[in-house]
PDB file of N, CA and C in Angstrom:
ATOM      1  N   MET A   1      82.781  49.716  91.277  1.00  0.00           N
ATOM      2  CA  MET A   1      81.605  50.373  90.758  1.00  0.00           C
ATOM      3  C   MET A   1      81.611  51.868  91.049  1.00  0.00           C
ATOM      4  N   ILE A   2      82.638  52.366  91.664  1.00  0.00           N
ATOM      5  CA  ILE A   2      82.701  53.779  92.005  1.00  0.00           C
ATOM      6  C   ILE A   2      82.959  54.596  90.742  1.00  0.00           C
ATOM      7  N   ASN A   3      82.234  55.725  90.618  1.00  0.00           N
ATOM      8  CA  ASN A   3      82.365  56.660  89.505  1.00  0.00           C
ATOM      9  C   ASN A   3      82.040  56.026  88.154  1.00  0.00           C
ATOM     10  N   ARG A   4      81.121  55.061  88.178  1.00  0.00           N
ATOM     11  CA  ARG A   4      80.667  54.428  86.942  1.00  0.00           C
ATOM     12  C   ARG A   4      79.161  54.504  86.871  1.00  0.00           C
ATOM     13  N   LYS A   5      78.657  54.510  85.660  1.00  0.00           N
ATOM     14  CA  LYS A   5      77.205  54.526  85.469  1.00  0.00           C
ATOM     15  C   LYS A   5      76.642  53.149  85.807  1.00  0.00           C
ATOM     16  N   ILE A   6      75.552  53.174  86.564  1.00  0.00           N
ATOM     17  CA  ILE A   6      74.844  51.948  86.891  1.00  0.00           C
ATOM     18  C   ILE A   6      73.352  52.195  86.733  1.00  0.00           C
ATOM     19  N   LYS A   7      72.595  51.125  86.761  1.00  0.00           N
ATOM     20  CA  LYS A   7      71.146  51.221  86.745  1.00  0.00           C
ATOM     21  C   LYS A   7      70.640  50.473  87.975  1.00  0.00           C
ATOM     22  N   VAL A   8      69.939  51.189  88.865  1.00  0.00           N
ATOM     23  CA  VAL A   8      69.349  50.551  90.043  1.00  0.00           C
ATOM     24  C   VAL A   8      68.043  49.913  89.591  1.00  0.00           C
ATOM     25  N   ILE A   9      67.980  48.597  89.687  1.00  0.00           N
ATOM     26  CA  ILE A   9      66.797  47.854  89.279  1.00  0.00           C
ATOM     27  C   ILE A   9      65.761  47.862  90.408  1.00  0.00           C
ATOM     28  N   ASP A  10      66.221  47.549  91.612  1.00  0.00           N
ATOM     29  CA  ASP A  10      65.347  47.498  92.781  1.00  0.00           C
ATOM     30  C   ASP A  10      66.229  47.441  94.016  1.00  0.00           C
ATOM     31  N   PHE A  11      65.602  47.488  95.191  1.00  0.00           N
ATOM     32  CA  PHE A  11      66.363  47.380  96.431  1.00  0.00           C
ATOM     33  C   PHE A  11      65.481  46.829  97.537  1.00  0.00           C
ATOM     34  N   VAL A  12      66.136  46.310  98.566  1.00  0.00           N
ATOM     35  CA  VAL A  12      65.476  45.842  99.779  1.00  0.00           C
ATOM     36  C   VAL A  12      66.179  46.538 100.929  1.00  0.00           C
ATOM     37  N   ASP A  13      65.395  47.153 101.830  1.00  0.00           N
ATOM     38  CA  ASP A  13      66.026  47.862 102.945  1.00  0.00           C
ATOM     39  C   ASP A  13      65.805  47.135 104.266  1.00  0.00           C
ATOM     40  N   ASN A  14      66.427  47.675 105.316  1.00  0.00           N
ATOM     41  CA  ASN A  14      66.369  47.111 106.677  1.00  0.00           C
ATOM     42  C   ASN A  14      66.886  45.678 106.742  1.00  0.00           C
ATOM     43  N   ILE A  15      67.998  45.430 106.072  1.00  0.00           N
ATOM     44  CA  ILE A  15      68.621  44.113 106.057  1.00  0.00           C
ATOM     45  C   ILE A  15      69.683  44.048 107.153  1.00  0.00           C
ATOM     46  N   LYS A  16      69.753  42.923 107.838  1.00  0.00           N
ATOM     47  CA  LYS A  16      70.774  42.705 108.861  1.00  0.00           C
ATOM     48  C   LYS A  16      71.877  41.855 108.259  1.00  0.00           C
ATOM     49  N   THR A  17      73.111  42.338 108.370  1.00  0.00           N
ATOM     50  CA  THR A  17      74.275  41.575 107.921  1.00  0.00           C
ATOM     51  C   THR A  17      75.210  41.400 109.109  1.00  0.00           C
ATOM     52  N   LYS A  18      76.303  40.697 108.905  1.00  0.00           N
ATOM     53  CA  LYS A  18      77.257  40.524 110.003  1.00  0.00           C
ATOM     54  C   LYS A  18      77.920  41.843 110.396  1.00  0.00           C
ATOM     55  N   GLU A  19      77.867  42.847 109.497  1.00  0.00           N
ATOM     56  CA  GLU A  19      78.423  44.160 109.798  1.00  0.00           C
ATOM     57  C   GLU A  19      77.442  45.055 110.559  1.00  0.00           C
ATOM     58  N   GLY A  20      76.155  44.660 110.614  1.00  0.00           N
ATOM     59  CA  GLY A  20      75.187  45.453 111.359  1.00  0.00           C
ATOM     60  C   GLY A  20      73.812  45.466 110.728  1.00  0.00           C
ATOM     61  N   ASP A  21      72.902  46.179 111.403  1.00  0.00           N
ATOM     62  CA  ASP A  21      71.514  46.310 110.957  1.00  0.00           C
ATOM     63  C   ASP A  21      71.350  47.511 110.040  1.00  0.00           C
ATOM     64  N   GLY A  22      70.180  47.587 109.401  1.00  0.00           N
ATOM     65  CA  GLY A  22      69.817  48.771 108.626  1.00  0.00           C
ATOM     66  C   GLY A  22      70.500  48.905 107.289  1.00  0.00           C
ATOM     67  N   ARG A  23      71.001  47.832 106.745  1.00  0.00           N
ATOM     68  CA  ARG A  23      71.665  47.873 105.444  1.00  0.00           C
ATOM     69  C   ARG A  23      70.626  47.841 104.319  1.00  0.00           C
ATOM     70  N   VAL A  24      71.069  48.217 103.137  1.00  0.00           N
ATOM     71  CA  VAL A  24      70.256  48.129 101.928  1.00  0.00           C
ATOM     72  C   VAL A  24      70.983  47.251 100.930  1.00  0.00           C
ATOM     73  N   VAL A  25      70.235  46.365 100.284  1.00  0.00           N
ATOM     74  CA  VAL A  25      70.771  45.559  99.194  1.00  0.00           C
ATOM     75  C   VAL A  25      70.149  46.089  97.911  1.00  0.00           C
ATOM     76  N   MET A  26      70.992  46.575  97.013  1.00  0.00           N
ATOM     77  CA  MET A  26      70.525  47.097  95.731  1.00  0.00           C
ATOM     78  C   MET A  26      70.834  46.090  94.631  1.00  0.00           C
ATOM     79  N   LYS A  27      69.848  45.826  93.783  1.00  0.00           N
ATOM     80  CA  LYS A  27      70.087  45.044  92.571  1.00  0.00           C
ATOM     81  C   LYS A  27      70.376  46.050  91.480  1.00  0.00           C
ATOM     82  N   VAL A  28      71.567  45.959  90.883  1.00  0.00           N
ATOM     83  CA  VAL A  28      71.989  46.934  89.880  1.00  0.00           C
ATOM     84  C   VAL A  28      72.542  46.213  88.654  1.00  0.00           C
ATOM     85  N   SER A  29      72.661  46.973  87.571  1.00  0.00           N
ATOM     86  CA  SER A  29      73.367  46.484  86.386  1.00  0.00           C
ATOM     87  C   SER A  29      74.301  47.585  85.912  1.00  0.00           C
ATOM     88  N   ASP A  30      75.356  47.169  85.230  1.00  0.00           N
ATOM     89  CA  ASP A  30      76.315  48.147  84.727  1.00  0.00           C
ATOM     90  C   ASP A  30      76.059  48.434  83.256  1.00  0.00           C
ATOM     91  N   GLU A  31      76.968  49.170  82.643  1.00  0.00           N
ATOM     92  CA  GLU A  31      76.780  49.563  81.249  1.00  0.00           C
ATOM     93  C   GLU A  31      76.844  48.372  80.290  1.00  0.00           C
ATOM     94  N   TYR A  32      77.326  47.218  80.776  1.00  0.00           N
ATOM     95  CA  TYR A  32      77.381  46.016  79.952  1.00  0.00           C
ATOM     96  C   TYR A  32      76.222  45.073  80.262  1.00  0.00           C
ATOM     97  N   ASP A  33      75.239  45.558  81.024  1.00  0.00           N
ATOM     98  CA  ASP A  33      74.063  44.785  81.450  1.00  0.00           C
ATOM     99  C   ASP A  33      74.408  43.590  82.324  1.00  0.00           C
ATOM    100  N   SER A  34      75.548  43.641  82.995  1.00  0.00           N
ATOM    101  CA  SER A  34      75.887  42.622  83.992  1.00  0.00           C
ATOM    102  C   SER A  34      75.172  42.984  85.284  1.00  0.00           C
ATOM    103  N   ALA A  35      74.396  42.052  85.822  1.00  0.00           N
ATOM    104  CA  ALA A  35      73.622  42.312  87.041  1.00  0.00           C
ATOM    105  C   ALA A  35      74.401  41.845  88.268  1.00  0.00           C
ATOM    106  N   PHE A  36      74.293  42.586  89.345  1.00  0.00           N
ATOM    107  CA  PHE A  36      74.926  42.220  90.604  1.00  0.00           C
ATOM    108  C   PHE A  36      74.245  42.957  91.738  1.00  0.00           C
ATOM    109  N   LYS A  37      74.652  42.664  92.969  1.00  0.00           N
ATOM    110  CA  LYS A  37      74.077  43.290  94.154  1.00  0.00           C
ATOM    111  C   LYS A  37      75.125  44.124  94.858  1.00  0.00           C
ATOM    112  N   ILE A  38      74.678  45.231  95.440  1.00  0.00           N
ATOM    113  CA  ILE A  38      75.526  46.080  96.264  1.00  0.00           C
ATOM    114  C   ILE A  38      74.860  46.192  97.633  1.00  0.00           C
ATOM    115  N   ILE A  39      75.626  45.951  98.693  1.00  0.00           N
ATOM    116  CA  ILE A  39      75.124  46.121 100.048  1.00  0.00           C
ATOM    117  C   ILE A  39      75.756  47.391 100.597  1.00  0.00           C
ATOM    118  N   THR A  40      74.924  48.289 101.142  1.00  0.00           N
ATOM    119  CA  THR A  40      75.437  49.553 101.649  1.00  0.00           C
ATOM    120  C   THR A  40      74.748  49.966 102.945  1.00  0.00           C
ATOM    121  N   SER A  41      75.480  50.763 103.728  1.00  0.00           N
ATOM    122  CA  SER A  41      74.902  51.388 104.917  1.00  0.00           C
ATOM    123  C   SER A  41      74.959  52.909 104.778  1.00  0.00           C
ATOM    124  N   SER A  42      75.292  53.397 103.586  1.00  0.00           N
ATOM    125  CA  SER A  42      75.397  54.831 103.339  1.00  0.00           C
ATOM    126  C   SER A  42      74.041  55.504 103.553  1.00  0.00           C
ATOM    127  N   ARG A  43      73.980  56.409 104.507  1.00  0.00           N
ATOM    128  CA  ARG A  43      72.732  57.127 104.797  1.00  0.00           C
ATOM    129  C   ARG A  43      72.279  57.931 103.589  1.00  0.00           C
ATOM    130  N   LYS A  44      73.228  58.504 102.840  1.00  0.00           N
ATOM    131  CA  LYS A  44      72.859  59.296 101.664  1.00  0.00           C
ATOM    132  C   LYS A  44      72.196  58.426 100.603  1.00  0.00           C
ATOM    133  N   ILE A  45      72.729  57.247 100.374  1.00  0.00           N
ATOM    134  CA  ILE A  45      72.141  56.345  99.385  1.00  0.00           C
ATOM    135  C   ILE A  45      70.800  55.814  99.881  1.00  0.00           C
ATOM    136  N   ILE A  46      70.745  55.412 101.143  1.00  0.00           N
ATOM    137  CA  ILE A  46      69.503  54.884 101.703  1.00  0.00           C
ATOM    138  C   ILE A  46      68.389  55.923 101.639  1.00  0.00           C
ATOM    139  N   ASP A  47      68.691  57.159 101.972  1.00  0.00           N
ATOM    140  CA  ASP A  47      67.675  58.218 101.929  1.00  0.00           C
ATOM    141  C   ASP A  47      67.127  58.419 100.517  1.00  0.00           C
ATOM    142  N   VAL A  48      68.004  58.438  99.527  1.00  0.00           N
ATOM    143  CA  VAL A  48      67.570  58.617  98.139  1.00  0.00           C
ATOM    144  C   VAL A  48      66.687  57.449  97.705  1.00  0.00           C
ATOM    145  N   LEU A  49      67.085  56.236  98.057  1.00  0.00           N
ATOM    146  CA  LEU A  49      66.296  55.063  97.668  1.00  0.00           C
ATOM    147  C   LEU A  49      64.930  55.056  98.347  1.00  0.00           C
ATOM    148  N   GLN A  50      64.880  55.440  99.608  1.00  0.00           N
ATOM    149  CA  GLN A  50      63.597  55.476 100.311  1.00  0.00           C
ATOM    150  C   GLN A  50      62.673  56.554  99.740  1.00  0.00           C
ATOM    151  N   GLN A  51      63.225  57.684  99.332  1.00  0.00           N
ATOM    152  CA  GLN A  51      62.416  58.716  98.682  1.00  0.00           C
ATOM    153  C   GLN A  51      61.863  58.195  97.349  1.00  0.00           C
ATOM    154  N   ALA A  52      62.690  57.473  96.608  1.00  0.00           N
ATOM    155  CA  ALA A  52      62.239  56.900  95.339  1.00  0.00           C
ATOM    156  C   ALA A  52      61.132  55.867  95.567  1.00  0.00           C
ATOM    157  N   ARG A  53      61.256  55.079  96.630  1.00  0.00           N
ATOM    158  CA  ARG A  53      60.228  54.078  96.938  1.00  0.00           C
ATOM    159  C   ARG A  53      58.894  54.764  97.244  1.00  0.00           C
ATOM    160  N   LYS A  54      58.927  55.893  97.965  1.00  0.00           N
ATOM    161  CA  LYS A  54      57.697  56.646  98.258  1.00  0.00           C
ATOM    162  C   LYS A  54      57.038  57.129  96.972  1.00  0.00           C
ATOM    163  N   LEU A  55      57.834  57.595  96.021  1.00  0.00           N
ATOM    164  CA  LEU A  55      57.287  58.017  94.735  1.00  0.00           C
ATOM    165  C   LEU A  55      56.622  56.850  94.022  1.00  0.00           C
ATOM    166  N   GLU A  56      57.266  55.687  94.061  1.00  0.00           N
ATOM    167  CA  GLU A  56      56.681  54.507  93.419  1.00  0.00           C
ATOM    168  C   GLU A  56      55.365  54.106  94.078  1.00  0.00           C
ATOM    169  N   LEU A  57      55.288  54.211  95.400  1.00  0.00           N
ATOM    170  CA  LEU A  57      54.054  53.870  96.106  1.00  0.00           C
ATOM    171  C   LEU A  57      52.926  54.844  95.762  1.00  0.00           C
ATOM    172  N   ASN A  58      53.294  56.056  95.323  1.00  0.00           N
ATOM    173  CA  ASN A  58      52.303  57.054  94.895  1.00  0.00           C
ATOM    174  C   ASN A  58      51.988  56.953  93.407  1.00  0.00           C
ATOM    175  N   GLY A  59      52.463  55.887  92.757  1.00  0.00           N
ATOM    176  CA  GLY A  59      52.101  55.647  91.369  1.00  0.00           C
ATOM    177  C   GLY A  59      53.099  56.114  90.330  1.00  0.00           C
ATOM    178  N   GLU A  60      54.197  56.733  90.739  1.00  0.00           N
ATOM    179  CA  GLU A  60      55.209  57.167  89.776  1.00  0.00           C
ATOM    180  C   GLU A  60      56.164  56.020  89.470  1.00  0.00           C
ATOM    181  N   HIS A  61      56.596  55.944  88.216  1.00  0.00           N
ATOM    182  CA  HIS A  61      57.534  54.906  87.789  1.00  0.00           C
ATOM    183  C   HIS A  61      58.962  55.429  87.987  1.00  0.00           C
ATOM    184  N   VAL A  62      59.709  54.824  88.900  1.00  0.00           N
ATOM    185  CA  VAL A  62      61.073  55.280  89.200  1.00  0.00           C
ATOM    186  C   VAL A  62      62.114  54.242  88.785  1.00  0.00           C
ATOM    187  N   PHE A  63      61.859  52.974  89.102  1.00  0.00           N
ATOM    188  CA  PHE A  63      62.849  51.932  88.839  1.00  0.00           C
ATOM    189  C   PHE A  63      62.500  51.171  87.579  1.00  0.00           C
ATOM    190  N   PRO A  64      63.497  50.795  86.788  1.00  0.00           N
ATOM    191  CA  PRO A  64      64.926  50.983  86.972  1.00  0.00           C
ATOM    192  C   PRO A  64      65.342  52.445  86.762  1.00  0.00           C
ATOM    193  N   GLN A  65      66.381  52.858  87.477  1.00  0.00           N
ATOM    194  CA  GLN A  65      66.841  54.244  87.459  1.00  0.00           C
ATOM    195  C   GLN A  65      68.334  54.294  87.178  1.00  0.00           C
ATOM    196  N   SER A  66      68.730  55.057  86.165  1.00  0.00           N
ATOM    197  CA  SER A  66      70.154  55.241  85.859  1.00  0.00           C
ATOM    198  C   SER A  66      70.753  56.272  86.792  1.00  0.00           C
ATOM    199  N   THR A  67      71.975  55.998  87.253  1.00  0.00           N
ATOM    200  CA  THR A  67      72.656  56.895  88.184  1.00  0.00           C
ATOM    201  C   THR A  67      74.142  56.557  88.188  1.00  0.00           C
ATOM    202  N   GLU A  68      74.878  57.152  89.091  1.00  0.00           N
ATOM    203  CA  GLU A  68      76.290  56.837  89.316  1.00  0.00           C
ATOM    204  C   GLU A  68      76.539  56.795  90.811  1.00  0.00           C
ATOM    205  N   ILE A  69      77.419  55.916  91.241  1.00  0.00           N
ATOM    206  CA  ILE A  69      77.862  55.895  92.636  1.00  0.00           C
ATOM    207  C   ILE A  69      79.180  56.651  92.696  1.00  0.00           C
ATOM    208  N   HIS A  70      79.249  57.597  93.619  1.00  0.00           N
ATOM    209  CA  HIS A  70      80.481  58.363  93.817  1.00  0.00           C
ATOM    210  C   HIS A  70      80.928  58.252  95.260  1.00  0.00           C
ATOM    211  N   CYS A  71      82.180  58.601  95.501  1.00  0.00           N
ATOM    212  CA  CYS A  71      82.760  58.480  96.833  1.00  0.00           C
ATOM    213  C   CYS A  71      83.572  59.728  97.160  1.00  0.00           C
ATOM    214  N   ASN A  72      83.341  60.266  98.351  1.00  0.00           N
ATOM    215  CA  ASN A  72      84.193  61.323  98.891  1.00  0.00           C
ATOM    216  C   ASN A  72      85.165  60.674  99.855  1.00  0.00           C
ATOM    217  N   LEU A  73      86.440  60.971  99.725  1.00  0.00           N
ATOM    218  CA  LEU A  73      87.462  60.466 100.628  1.00  0.00           C
ATOM    219  C   LEU A  73      87.941  61.635 101.489  1.00  0.00           C
ATOM    220  N   PHE A  74      87.808  61.500 102.792  1.00  0.00           N
ATOM    221  CA  PHE A  74      88.173  62.567 103.714  1.00  0.00           C
ATOM    222  C   PHE A  74      89.599  62.380 104.215  1.00  0.00           C
ATOM    223  N   SER A  75      90.183  63.459 104.751  1.00  0.00           N
ATOM    224  CA  SER A  75      91.581  63.443 105.181  1.00  0.00           C
ATOM    225  C   SER A  75      91.839  62.434 106.301  1.00  0.00           C
ATOM    226  N   ASN A  76      90.817  62.095 107.078  1.00  0.00           N
ATOM    227  CA  ASN A  76      90.999  61.114 108.157  1.00  0.00           C
ATOM    228  C   ASN A  76      90.880  59.674 107.648  1.00  0.00           C
ATOM    229  N   GLY A  77      90.671  59.496 106.342  1.00  0.00           N
ATOM    230  CA  GLY A  77      90.597  58.174 105.744  1.00  0.00           C
ATOM    231  C   GLY A  77      89.195  57.616 105.607  1.00  0.00           C
ATOM    232  N   SER A  78      88.205  58.302 106.164  1.00  0.00           N
ATOM    233  CA  SER A  78      86.828  57.809 106.050  1.00  0.00           C
ATOM    234  C   SER A  78      86.274  58.117 104.662  1.00  0.00           C
ATOM    235  N   LYS A  79      85.269  57.356 104.278  1.00  0.00           N
ATOM    236  CA  LYS A  79      84.669  57.491 102.956  1.00  0.00           C
ATOM    237  C   LYS A  79      83.175  57.718 103.101  1.00  0.00           C
ATOM    238  N   GLU A  80      82.610  58.470 102.148  1.00  0.00           N
ATOM    239  CA  GLU A  80      81.177  58.715 102.098  1.00  0.00           C
ATOM    240  C   GLU A  80      80.706  58.426 100.679  1.00  0.00           C
ATOM    241  N   TYR A  81      79.754  57.509 100.549  1.00  0.00           N
ATOM    242  CA  TYR A  81      79.239  57.126  99.239  1.00  0.00           C
ATOM    243  C   TYR A  81      77.903  57.794  98.995  1.00  0.00           C
ATOM    244  N   TYR A  82      77.640  58.153  97.745  1.00  0.00           N
ATOM    245  CA  TYR A  82      76.369  58.807  97.399  1.00  0.00           C
ATOM    246  C   TYR A  82      76.049  58.529  95.936  1.00  0.00           C
ATOM    247  N   LEU A  83      74.771  58.736  95.594  1.00  0.00           N
ATOM    248  CA  LEU A  83      74.293  58.564  94.221  1.00  0.00           C
ATOM    249  C   LEU A  83      74.118  59.925  93.573  1.00  0.00           C
ATOM    250  N   LEU A  84      74.428  60.027  92.293  1.00  0.00           N
ATOM    251  CA  LEU A  84      74.180  61.253  91.539  1.00  0.00           C
ATOM    252  C   LEU A  84      72.812  61.196  90.925  1.00  0.00           C
TER     253      LEU A  84
END
């Protein structure tokens, strides 16, 4: 799903998985309307989703939201995921 257009339908935060606490599960669909879930611990993605949730709580319609997931690959081999 990296570098592809997706639509974030909704998300649930503060999920505990075997990899750790504080994960987010996003319900998304791709350009072919195939629905699936993405589990992430990316602080950049989590921050954007939480800001969007605050807007929704204030009465603004945010979801579903079209976006793209991108990845930065660093020289030490670590990766950073973010939404455009």
